[in-house]
PDB file of all heavy atoms in Angstrom:
ATOM      1  N   LEU A   1     -46.137  82.751  36.941  1.00  0.00           N
ATOM      2  CA  LEU A   1     -45.912  81.604  36.080  1.00  0.00           C
ATOM      3  C   LEU A   1     -46.279  80.300  36.793  1.00  0.00           C
ATOM      4  O   LEU A   1     -46.242  80.222  38.021  1.00  0.00           O
ATOM      5  CB  LEU A   1     -44.441  81.533  35.659  1.00  0.00           C
ATOM      6  CG  LEU A   1     -43.886  82.737  34.905  1.00  0.00           C
ATOM      7  CD1 LEU A   1     -42.386  82.571  34.690  1.00  0.00           C
ATOM      8  CD2 LEU A   1     -44.601  82.933  33.573  1.00  0.00           C
ATOM      9  N   ASN A   2     -46.605  79.309  36.021  1.00  0.00           N
ATOM     10  CA  ASN A   2     -46.786  77.949  36.513  1.00  0.00           C
ATOM     11  C   ASN A   2     -45.469  77.233  36.229  1.00  0.00           C
ATOM     12  O   ASN A   2     -45.204  76.830  35.098  1.00  0.00           O
ATOM     13  CB  ASN A   2     -47.949  77.282  35.783  1.00  0.00           C
ATOM     14  CG  ASN A   2     -48.173  75.845  36.205  1.00  0.00           C
ATOM     15  OD1 ASN A   2     -47.477  75.313  37.056  1.00  0.00           O
ATOM     16  ND2 ASN A   2     -49.152  75.202  35.585  1.00  0.00           N
ATOM     17  N   SER A   3     -44.631  77.081  37.257  1.00  0.00           N
ATOM     18  CA  SER A   3     -43.247  76.668  37.036  1.00  0.00           C
ATOM     19  C   SER A   3     -42.916  75.317  37.649  1.00  0.00           C
ATOM     20  O   SER A   3     -43.488  74.916  38.657  1.00  0.00           O
ATOM     21  CB  SER A   3     -42.281  77.713  37.617  1.00  0.00           C
ATOM     22  OG  SER A   3     -42.421  78.951  36.971  1.00  0.00           O
ATOM     23  N   GLU A   4     -41.958  74.648  37.003  1.00  0.00           N
ATOM     24  CA  GLU A   4     -41.358  73.440  37.540  1.00  0.00           C
ATOM     25  C   GLU A   4     -39.838  73.555  37.427  1.00  0.00           C
ATOM     26  O   GLU A   4     -39.324  74.307  36.595  1.00  0.00           O
ATOM     27  CB  GLU A   4     -41.847  72.194  36.791  1.00  0.00           C
ATOM     28  CG  GLU A   4     -43.314  71.900  37.012  1.00  0.00           C
ATOM     29  CD  GLU A   4     -43.735  70.511  36.543  1.00  0.00           C
ATOM     30  OE1 GLU A   4     -42.863  69.757  36.043  1.00  0.00           O
ATOM     31  OE2 GLU A   4     -44.918  70.171  36.700  1.00  0.00           O
ATOM     32  N   TRP A   5     -39.148  72.785  38.284  1.00  0.00           N
ATOM     33  CA  TRP A   5     -37.697  72.811  38.345  1.00  0.00           C
ATOM     34  C   TRP A   5     -37.115  71.422  38.124  1.00  0.00           C
ATOM     35  O   TRP A   5     -37.656  70.427  38.598  1.00  0.00           O
ATOM     36  CB  TRP A   5     -37.219  73.273  39.723  1.00  0.00           C
ATOM     37  CG  TRP A   5     -37.247  74.724  39.991  1.00  0.00           C
ATOM     38  CD1 TRP A   5     -36.168  75.569  40.047  1.00  0.00           C
ATOM     39  CD2 TRP A   5     -38.381  75.557  40.294  1.00  0.00           C
ATOM     40  NE1 TRP A   5     -36.570  76.849  40.345  1.00  0.00           N
ATOM     41  CE2 TRP A   5     -37.927  76.866  40.506  1.00  0.00           C
ATOM     42  CE3 TRP A   5     -39.755  75.302  40.403  1.00  0.00           C
ATOM     43  CZ2 TRP A   5     -38.774  77.920  40.818  1.00  0.00           C
ATOM     44  CZ3 TRP A   5     -40.609  76.354  40.712  1.00  0.00           C
ATOM     45  CH2 TRP A   5     -40.129  77.640  40.899  1.00  0.00           C
ATOM     46  N   VAL A   6     -35.986  71.368  37.409  1.00  0.00           N
ATOM     47  CA  VAL A   6     -35.102  70.205  37.413  1.00  0.00           C
ATOM     48  C   VAL A   6     -33.700  70.782  37.599  1.00  0.00           C
ATOM     49  O   VAL A   6     -33.042  71.174  36.632  1.00  0.00           O
ATOM     50  CB  VAL A   6     -35.194  69.379  36.116  1.00  0.00           C
ATOM     51  CG1 VAL A   6     -34.246  68.175  36.201  1.00  0.00           C
ATOM     52  CG2 VAL A   6     -36.620  68.893  35.877  1.00  0.00           C
ATOM     53  N   SER A   7     -33.263  70.870  38.837  1.00  0.00           N
ATOM     54  CA  SER A   7     -31.992  71.518  39.131  1.00  0.00           C
ATOM     55  C   SER A   7     -31.266  70.771  40.241  1.00  0.00           C
ATOM     56  O   SER A   7     -31.891  70.297  41.189  1.00  0.00           O
ATOM     57  CB  SER A   7     -32.216  72.983  39.535  1.00  0.00           C
ATOM     58  OG  SER A   7     -33.178  73.089  40.582  1.00  0.00           O
ATOM     59  N   VAL A   8     -29.951  70.687  40.100  1.00  0.00           N
ATOM     60  CA  VAL A   8     -29.127  69.907  41.030  1.00  0.00           C
ATOM     61  C   VAL A   8     -27.834  70.661  41.316  1.00  0.00           C
ATOM     62  O   VAL A   8     -27.086  70.992  40.387  1.00  0.00           O
ATOM     63  CB  VAL A   8     -28.785  68.518  40.450  1.00  0.00           C
ATOM     64  CG1 VAL A   8     -28.078  67.675  41.510  1.00  0.00           C
ATOM     65  CG2 VAL A   8     -30.027  67.808  39.942  1.00  0.00           C
ATOM     66  N   SER A   9     -27.563  70.919  42.577  1.00  0.00           N
ATOM     67  CA  SER A   9     -26.332  71.614  42.954  1.00  0.00           C
ATOM     68  C   SER A   9     -25.103  70.828  42.513  1.00  0.00           C
ATOM     69  O   SER A   9     -25.048  69.602  42.642  1.00  0.00           O
ATOM     70  CB  SER A   9     -26.281  71.813  44.470  1.00  0.00           C
ATOM     71  OG  SER A   9     -27.212  72.776  44.898  1.00  0.00           O
ATOM     72  N   GLY A  10     -24.122  71.556  42.001  1.00  0.00           N
ATOM     73  CA  GLY A  10     -22.848  70.947  41.641  1.00  0.00           C
ATOM     74  C   GLY A  10     -22.809  70.307  40.275  1.00  0.00           C
ATOM     75  O   GLY A  10     -21.729  70.032  39.739  1.00  0.00           O
ATOM     76  N   TYR A  11     -23.976  70.041  39.690  1.00  0.00           N
ATOM     77  CA  TYR A  11     -24.030  69.351  38.405  1.00  0.00           C
ATOM     78  C   TYR A  11     -23.786  70.320  37.254  1.00  0.00           C
ATOM     79  O   TYR A  11     -24.104  71.502  37.330  1.00  0.00           O
ATOM     80  CB  TYR A  11     -25.382  68.660  38.224  1.00  0.00           C
ATOM     81  CG  TYR A  11     -25.475  67.309  38.907  1.00  0.00           C
ATOM     82  CD1 TYR A  11     -24.876  67.087  40.143  1.00  0.00           C
ATOM     83  CD2 TYR A  11     -26.152  66.256  38.318  1.00  0.00           C
ATOM     84  CE1 TYR A  11     -24.955  65.852  40.763  1.00  0.00           C
ATOM     85  CE2 TYR A  11     -26.238  65.009  38.934  1.00  0.00           C
ATOM     86  CZ  TYR A  11     -25.634  64.828  40.156  1.00  0.00           C
ATOM     87  OH  TYR A  11     -25.704  63.596  40.764  1.00  0.00           O
ATOM     88  N   GLY A  12     -23.241  69.772  36.175  1.00  0.00           N
ATOM     89  CA  GLY A  12     -22.991  70.572  34.996  1.00  0.00           C
ATOM     90  C   GLY A  12     -23.621  69.962  33.762  1.00  0.00           C
ATOM     91  O   GLY A  12     -24.443  69.045  33.848  1.00  0.00           O
ATOM     92  N   MET A  13     -23.197  70.475  32.621  1.00  0.00           N
ATOM     93  CA  MET A  13     -23.667  69.930  31.354  1.00  0.00           C
ATOM     94  C   MET A  13     -22.795  68.753  30.917  1.00  0.00           C
ATOM     95  O   MET A  13     -23.295  67.737  30.418  1.00  0.00           O
ATOM     96  CB  MET A  13     -23.640  71.019  30.278  1.00  0.00           C
ATOM     97  CG  MET A  13     -24.132  70.574  28.914  1.00  0.00           C
ATOM     98  SD  MET A  13     -25.876  70.110  28.889  1.00  0.00           S
ATOM     99  CE  MET A  13     -26.642  71.737  28.804  1.00  0.00           C
ATOM    100  N   PHE A  14     -21.482  68.856  31.142  1.00  0.00           N
ATOM    101  CA  PHE A  14     -20.558  67.796  30.728  1.00  0.00           C
ATOM    102  C   PHE A  14     -19.759  67.242  31.898  1.00  0.00           C
ATOM    103  O   PHE A  14     -19.429  66.052  31.932  1.00  0.00           O
ATOM    104  CB  PHE A  14     -19.611  68.328  29.651  1.00  0.00           C
ATOM    105  CG  PHE A  14     -18.722  67.281  29.052  1.00  0.00           C
ATOM    106  CD1 PHE A  14     -19.256  66.267  28.267  1.00  0.00           C
ATOM    107  CD2 PHE A  14     -17.355  67.298  29.260  1.00  0.00           C
ATOM    108  CE1 PHE A  14     -18.440  65.281  27.713  1.00  0.00           C
ATOM    109  CE2 PHE A  14     -16.525  66.327  28.703  1.00  0.00           C
ATOM    110  CZ  PHE A  14     -17.076  65.317  27.922  1.00  0.00           C
ATOM    111  N   VAL A  15     -19.425  68.084  32.885  1.00  0.00           N
ATOM    112  CA  VAL A  15     -18.755  67.643  34.113  1.00  0.00           C
ATOM    113  C   VAL A  15     -19.346  68.396  35.290  1.00  0.00           C
ATOM    114  O   VAL A  15     -19.880  69.491  35.140  1.00  0.00           O
ATOM    115  CB  VAL A  15     -17.228  67.874  34.069  1.00  0.00           C
ATOM    116  CG1 VAL A  15     -16.576  67.003  33.013  1.00  0.00           C
ATOM    117  CG2 VAL A  15     -16.905  69.350  33.845  1.00  0.00           C
ATOM    118  N   GLU A  16     -19.225  67.822  36.482  1.00  0.00           N
ATOM    119  CA  GLU A  16     -19.652  68.533  37.681  1.00  0.00           C
ATOM    120  C   GLU A  16     -18.537  69.485  38.121  1.00  0.00           C
ATOM    121  O   GLU A  16     -17.491  69.584  37.471  1.00  0.00           O
ATOM    122  CB  GLU A  16     -20.008  67.558  38.788  1.00  0.00           C
ATOM    123  CG  GLU A  16     -18.831  66.814  39.385  1.00  0.00           C
ATOM    124  CD  GLU A  16     -19.167  66.203  40.740  1.00  0.00           C
ATOM    125  OE1 GLU A  16     -20.312  66.274  41.187  1.00  0.00           O
ATOM    126  OE2 GLU A  16     -18.231  65.651  41.362  1.00  0.00           O
ATOM    127  N   TYR A  17     -18.750  70.156  39.255  1.00  0.00           N
ATOM    128  CA  TYR A  17     -17.801  71.185  39.688  1.00  0.00           C
ATOM    129  C   TYR A  17     -16.409  70.615  39.987  1.00  0.00           C
ATOM    130  O   TYR A  17     -15.410  71.325  39.889  1.00  0.00           O
ATOM    131  CB  TYR A  17     -18.344  71.924  40.906  1.00  0.00           C
ATOM    132  CG  TYR A  17     -18.324  71.134  42.193  1.00  0.00           C
ATOM    133  CD1 TYR A  17     -17.340  71.347  43.158  1.00  0.00           C
ATOM    134  CD2 TYR A  17     -19.283  70.155  42.452  1.00  0.00           C
ATOM    135  CE1 TYR A  17     -17.323  70.623  44.337  1.00  0.00           C
ATOM    136  CE2 TYR A  17     -19.270  69.430  43.620  1.00  0.00           C
ATOM    137  CZ  TYR A  17     -18.293  69.654  44.557  1.00  0.00           C
ATOM    138  OH  TYR A  17     -18.282  68.922  45.715  1.00  0.00           O
ATOM    139  N   THR A  18     -16.304  69.313  40.312  1.00  0.00           N
ATOM    140  CA  THR A  18     -15.005  68.688  40.572  1.00  0.00           C
ATOM    141  C   THR A  18     -14.336  68.191  39.301  1.00  0.00           C
ATOM    142  O   THR A  18     -13.181  67.776  39.327  1.00  0.00           O
ATOM    143  CB  THR A  18     -15.164  67.484  41.519  1.00  0.00           C
ATOM    144  OG1 THR A  18     -15.920  66.449  40.849  1.00  0.00           O
ATOM    145  CG2 THR A  18     -15.865  67.877  42.807  1.00  0.00           C
ATOM    146  N   GLY A  19     -15.070  68.202  38.198  1.00  0.00           N
ATOM    147  CA  GLY A  19     -14.573  67.638  36.953  1.00  0.00           C
ATOM    148  C   GLY A  19     -15.053  66.230  36.687  1.00  0.00           C
ATOM    149  O   GLY A  19     -14.746  65.638  35.644  1.00  0.00           O
ATOM    150  N   ASP A  20     -15.847  65.671  37.596  1.00  0.00           N
ATOM    151  CA  ASP A  20     -16.387  64.317  37.447  1.00  0.00           C
ATOM    152  C   ASP A  20     -17.453  64.312  36.343  1.00  0.00           C
ATOM    153  O   ASP A  20     -18.429  65.058  36.433  1.00  0.00           O
ATOM    154  CB  ASP A  20     -16.994  63.866  38.773  1.00  0.00           C
ATOM    155  CG  ASP A  20     -17.437  62.409  38.768  1.00  0.00           C
ATOM    156  OD1 ASP A  20     -17.579  61.833  37.672  1.00  0.00           O
ATOM    157  OD2 ASP A  20     -17.669  61.861  39.858  1.00  0.00           O
ATOM    158  N   PRO A  21     -17.310  63.459  35.327  1.00  0.00           N
ATOM    159  CA  PRO A  21     -18.295  63.428  34.234  1.00  0.00           C
ATOM    160  C   PRO A  21     -19.552  62.637  34.563  1.00  0.00           C
ATOM    161  O   PRO A  21     -20.484  62.597  33.758  1.00  0.00           O
ATOM    162  CB  PRO A  21     -17.522  62.754  33.100  1.00  0.00           C
ATOM    163  CG  PRO A  21     -16.560  61.846  33.792  1.00  0.00           C
ATOM    164  CD  PRO A  21     -16.159  62.572  35.052  1.00  0.00           C
ATOM    165  N   GLU A  22     -19.609  61.996  35.732  1.00  0.00           N
ATOM    166  CA  GLU A  22     -20.780  61.198  36.086  1.00  0.00           C
ATOM    167  C   GLU A  22     -21.953  62.068  36.525  1.00  0.00           C
ATOM    168  O   GLU A  22     -23.109  61.774  36.224  1.00  0.00           O
ATOM    169  CB  GLU A  22     -20.425  60.218  37.214  1.00  0.00           C
ATOM    170  CG  GLU A  22     -19.514  59.090  36.789  1.00  0.00           C
ATOM    171  CD  GLU A  22     -20.191  58.158  35.789  1.00  0.00           C
ATOM    172  OE1 GLU A  22     -21.351  57.761  36.037  1.00  0.00           O
ATOM    173  OE2 GLU A  22     -19.555  57.837  34.772  1.00  0.00           O
ATOM    174  N   ASN A  23     -21.671  63.123  37.263  1.00  0.00           N
ATOM    175  CA  ASN A  23     -22.736  63.929  37.873  1.00  0.00           C
ATOM    176  C   ASN A  23     -23.086  65.119  36.989  1.00  0.00           C
ATOM    177  O   ASN A  23     -22.599  66.239  37.183  1.00  0.00           O
ATOM    178  CB  ASN A  23     -22.309  64.394  39.266  1.00  0.00           C
ATOM    179  CG  ASN A  23     -22.092  63.219  40.203  1.00  0.00           C
ATOM    180  OD1 ASN A  23     -22.739  62.182  40.055  1.00  0.00           O
ATOM    181  ND2 ASN A  23     -21.185  63.369  41.142  1.00  0.00           N
ATOM    182  N   ILE A  24     -23.933  64.852  36.021  1.00  0.00           N
ATOM    183  CA  ILE A  24     -24.333  65.886  35.067  1.00  0.00           C
ATOM    184  C   ILE A  24     -25.858  65.877  34.921  1.00  0.00           C
ATOM    185  O   ILE A  24     -26.503  64.838  35.069  1.00  0.00           O
ATOM    186  CB  ILE A  24     -23.651  65.680  33.701  1.00  0.00           C
ATOM    187  CG1 ILE A  24     -23.945  64.288  33.150  1.00  0.00           C
ATOM    188  CG2 ILE A  24     -22.159  65.937  33.814  1.00  0.00           C
ATOM    189  CD1 ILE A  24     -23.448  64.067  31.739  1.00  0.00           C
ATOM    190  N   LEU A  25     -26.388  67.028  34.618  1.00  0.00           N
ATOM    191  CA  LEU A  25     -27.850  67.163  34.528  1.00  0.00           C
ATOM    192  C   LEU A  25     -28.462  66.313  33.414  1.00  0.00           C
ATOM    193  O   LEU A  25     -29.506  65.694  33.631  1.00  0.00           O
ATOM    194  CB  LEU A  25     -28.198  68.646  34.354  1.00  0.00           C
ATOM    195  CG  LEU A  25     -29.568  69.123  34.826  1.00  0.00           C
ATOM    196  CD1 LEU A  25     -30.706  68.585  34.000  1.00  0.00           C
ATOM    197  CD2 LEU A  25     -29.751  68.827  36.297  1.00  0.00           C
ATOM    198  N   PRO A  26     -27.870  66.246  32.217  1.00  0.00           N
ATOM    199  CA  PRO A  26     -28.485  65.408  31.177  1.00  0.00           C
ATOM    200  C   PRO A  26     -28.663  63.949  31.596  1.00  0.00           C
ATOM    201  O   PRO A  26     -29.561  63.269  31.092  1.00  0.00           O
ATOM    202  CB  PRO A  26     -27.499  65.542  30.006  1.00  0.00           C
ATOM    203  CG  PRO A  26     -26.897  66.889  30.189  1.00  0.00           C
ATOM    204  CD  PRO A  26     -26.738  67.038  31.680  1.00  0.00           C
ATOM    205  N   ARG A  27     -27.840  63.467  32.499  1.00  0.00           N
ATOM    206  CA  ARG A  27     -27.946  62.068  32.947  1.00  0.00           C
ATOM    207  C   ARG A  27     -29.199  61.829  33.774  1.00  0.00           C
ATOM    208  O   ARG A  27     -29.795  60.752  33.739  1.00  0.00           O
ATOM    209  CB  ARG A  27     -26.698  61.705  33.763  1.00  0.00           C
ATOM    210  CG  ARG A  27     -26.673  60.260  34.241  1.00  0.00           C
ATOM    211  CD  ARG A  27     -25.347  59.939  34.897  1.00  0.00           C
ATOM    212  NE  ARG A  27     -25.334  58.571  35.412  1.00  0.00           N
ATOM    213  CZ  ARG A  27     -25.000  58.243  36.646  1.00  0.00           C
ATOM    214  NH1 ARG A  27     -24.652  59.184  37.502  1.00  0.00           N
ATOM    215  NH2 ARG A  27     -25.001  56.986  37.029  1.00  0.00           N
ATOM    216  N   VAL A  28     -29.647  62.821  34.532  1.00  0.00           N
ATOM    217  CA  VAL A  28     -30.783  62.625  35.434  1.00  0.00           C
ATOM    218  C   VAL A  28     -32.094  63.142  34.859  1.00  0.00           C
ATOM    219  O   VAL A  28     -33.163  62.845  35.378  1.00  0.00           O
ATOM    220  CB  VAL A  28     -30.525  63.302  36.808  1.00  0.00           C
ATOM    221  CG1 VAL A  28     -29.203  62.854  37.389  1.00  0.00           C
ATOM    222  CG2 VAL A  28     -30.565  64.824  36.710  1.00  0.00           C
ATOM    223  N   PHE A  29     -32.016  63.896  33.782  1.00  0.00           N
ATOM    224  CA  PHE A  29     -33.186  64.624  33.302  1.00  0.00           C
ATOM    225  C   PHE A  29     -34.332  63.718  32.875  1.00  0.00           C
ATOM    226  O   PHE A  29     -35.503  64.064  33.058  1.00  0.00           O
ATOM    227  CB  PHE A  29     -32.798  65.540  32.130  1.00  0.00           C
ATOM    228  CG  PHE A  29     -33.917  66.428  31.675  1.00  0.00           C
ATOM    229  CD1 PHE A  29     -34.248  67.565  32.398  1.00  0.00           C
ATOM    230  CD2 PHE A  29     -34.662  66.116  30.548  1.00  0.00           C
ATOM    231  CE1 PHE A  29     -35.299  68.384  31.998  1.00  0.00           C
ATOM    232  CE2 PHE A  29     -35.712  66.930  30.152  1.00  0.00           C
ATOM    233  CZ  PHE A  29     -36.029  68.062  30.878  1.00  0.00           C
ATOM    234  N   ALA A  30     -34.032  62.574  32.321  1.00  0.00           N
ATOM    235  CA  ALA A  30     -35.085  61.701  31.774  1.00  0.00           C
ATOM    236  C   ALA A  30     -35.902  60.999  32.851  1.00  0.00           C
ATOM    237  O   ALA A  30     -36.945  60.424  32.559  1.00  0.00           O
ATOM    238  CB  ALA A  30     -34.475  60.651  30.852  1.00  0.00           C
ATOM    239  N   TYR A  31     -35.449  61.066  34.105  1.00  0.00           N
ATOM    240  CA  TYR A  31     -36.110  60.348  35.192  1.00  0.00           C
ATOM    241  C   TYR A  31     -36.946  61.300  36.051  1.00  0.00           C
ATOM    242  O   TYR A  31     -36.578  62.461  36.238  1.00  0.00           O
ATOM    243  CB  TYR A  31     -35.072  59.654  36.066  1.00  0.00           C
ATOM    244  CG  TYR A  31     -34.247  58.641  35.322  1.00  0.00           C
ATOM    245  CD1 TYR A  31     -33.090  59.029  34.646  1.00  0.00           C
ATOM    246  CD2 TYR A  31     -34.629  57.302  35.257  1.00  0.00           C
ATOM    247  CE1 TYR A  31     -32.337  58.103  33.930  1.00  0.00           C
ATOM    248  CE2 TYR A  31     -33.879  56.372  34.552  1.00  0.00           C
ATOM    249  CZ  TYR A  31     -32.731  56.784  33.885  1.00  0.00           C
ATOM    250  OH  TYR A  31     -31.993  55.876  33.173  1.00  0.00           O
ATOM    251  N   THR A  32     -38.039  60.786  36.584  1.00  0.00           N
ATOM    252  CA  THR A  32     -38.878  61.605  37.457  1.00  0.00           C
ATOM    253  C   THR A  32     -38.102  62.037  38.696  1.00  0.00           C
ATOM    254  O   THR A  32     -38.164  63.185  39.109  1.00  0.00           O
ATOM    255  CB  THR A  32     -40.140  60.829  37.873  1.00  0.00           C
ATOM    256  OG1 THR A  32     -40.866  60.484  36.692  1.00  0.00           O
ATOM    257  CG2 THR A  32     -41.023  61.655  38.779  1.00  0.00           C
ATOM    258  N   ASN A  33     -37.372  61.109  39.310  1.00  0.00           N
ATOM    259  CA  ASN A  33     -36.498  61.429  40.436  1.00  0.00           C
ATOM    260  C   ASN A  33     -35.374  60.401  40.457  1.00  0.00           C
ATOM    261  O   ASN A  33     -35.457  59.382  41.143  1.00  0.00           O
ATOM    262  CB  ASN A  33     -37.266  61.417  41.755  1.00  0.00           C
ATOM    263  CG  ASN A  33     -36.410  61.876  42.931  1.00  0.00           C
ATOM    264  OD1 ASN A  33     -35.190  61.924  42.841  1.00  0.00           O
ATOM    265  ND2 ASN A  33     -37.063  62.205  44.032  1.00  0.00           N
ATOM    266  N   PHE A  34     -34.340  60.682  39.696  1.00  0.00           N
ATOM    267  CA  PHE A  34     -33.202  59.776  39.541  1.00  0.00           C
ATOM    268  C   PHE A  34     -32.562  59.424  40.878  1.00  0.00           C
ATOM    269  O   PHE A  34     -32.039  58.319  41.055  1.00  0.00           O
ATOM    270  CB  PHE A  34     -32.174  60.430  38.615  1.00  0.00           C
ATOM    271  CG  PHE A  34     -30.906  59.654  38.420  1.00  0.00           C
ATOM    272  CD1 PHE A  34     -30.830  58.656  37.462  1.00  0.00           C
ATOM    273  CD2 PHE A  34     -29.779  59.936  39.188  1.00  0.00           C
ATOM    274  CE1 PHE A  34     -29.658  57.947  37.280  1.00  0.00           C
ATOM    275  CE2 PHE A  34     -28.602  59.227  39.002  1.00  0.00           C
ATOM    276  CZ  PHE A  34     -28.544  58.227  38.051  1.00  0.00           C
ATOM    277  N   PHE A  35     -32.610  60.341  41.816  1.00  0.00           N
ATOM    278  CA  PHE A  35     -31.922  60.145  43.089  1.00  0.00           C
ATOM    279  C   PHE A  35     -32.680  59.182  44.011  1.00  0.00           C
ATOM    280  O   PHE A  35     -32.113  58.667  44.963  1.00  0.00           O
ATOM    281  CB  PHE A  35     -31.706  61.499  43.777  1.00  0.00           C
ATOM    282  CG  PHE A  35     -30.993  62.477  42.897  1.00  0.00           C
ATOM    283  CD1 PHE A  35     -31.692  63.455  42.202  1.00  0.00           C
ATOM    284  CD2 PHE A  35     -29.627  62.399  42.731  1.00  0.00           C
ATOM    285  CE1 PHE A  35     -31.031  64.334  41.371  1.00  0.00           C
ATOM    286  CE2 PHE A  35     -28.950  63.272  41.892  1.00  0.00           C
ATOM    287  CZ  PHE A  35     -29.663  64.244  41.213  1.00  0.00           C
ATOM    288  N   TYR A  36     -33.942  58.951  43.701  1.00  0.00           N
ATOM    289  CA  TYR A  36     -34.752  58.032  44.491  1.00  0.00           C
ATOM    290  C   TYR A  36     -35.028  56.732  43.741  1.00  0.00           C
ATOM    291  O   TYR A  36     -35.052  55.651  44.331  1.00  0.00           O
ATOM    292  CB  TYR A  36     -36.084  58.703  44.861  1.00  0.00           C
ATOM    293  CG  TYR A  36     -36.915  57.908  45.842  1.00  0.00           C
ATOM    294  CD1 TYR A  36     -36.830  58.160  47.208  1.00  0.00           C
ATOM    295  CD2 TYR A  36     -37.794  56.913  45.419  1.00  0.00           C
ATOM    296  CE1 TYR A  36     -37.579  57.439  48.122  1.00  0.00           C
ATOM    297  CE2 TYR A  36     -38.552  56.179  46.310  1.00  0.00           C
ATOM    298  CZ  TYR A  36     -38.440  56.452  47.661  1.00  0.00           C
ATOM    299  OH  TYR A  36     -39.183  55.723  48.565  1.00  0.00           O
ATOM    300  N   ASP A  37     -35.235  56.845  42.452  1.00  0.00           N
ATOM    301  CA  ASP A  37     -35.653  55.697  41.650  1.00  0.00           C
ATOM    302  C   ASP A  37     -35.036  55.817  40.264  1.00  0.00           C
ATOM    303  O   ASP A  37     -35.402  56.708  39.487  1.00  0.00           O
ATOM    304  CB  ASP A  37     -37.181  55.679  41.557  1.00  0.00           C
ATOM    305  CG  ASP A  37     -37.722  54.527  40.730  1.00  0.00           C
ATOM    306  OD1 ASP A  37     -36.929  53.880  40.038  1.00  0.00           O
ATOM    307  OD2 ASP A  37     -38.934  54.277  40.771  1.00  0.00           O
ATOM    308  N   LYS A  38     -34.100  54.945  39.957  1.00  0.00           N
ATOM    309  CA  LYS A  38     -33.368  55.019  38.694  1.00  0.00           C
ATOM    310  C   LYS A  38     -34.046  54.216  37.582  1.00  0.00           C
ATOM    311  O   LYS A  38     -33.402  53.844  36.594  1.00  0.00           O
ATOM    312  CB  LYS A  38     -31.926  54.568  38.893  1.00  0.00           C
ATOM    313  CG  LYS A  38     -31.124  55.488  39.798  1.00  0.00           C
ATOM    314  CD  LYS A  38     -29.717  54.986  40.022  1.00  0.00           C
ATOM    315  CE  LYS A  38     -28.904  56.010  40.814  1.00  0.00           C
ATOM    316  NZ  LYS A  38     -29.493  56.342  42.121  1.00  0.00           N
TER     317      LYS A  38
END
């Protein structure tokens, strides 16, 4: 396959593993690299 990834450890759909609602995949998905350039 010709594959690409958008995956982040600890992140969830609605809350992260700690229950924090800030760190979720839908929040970062629209950006090329949210962690470098918001």
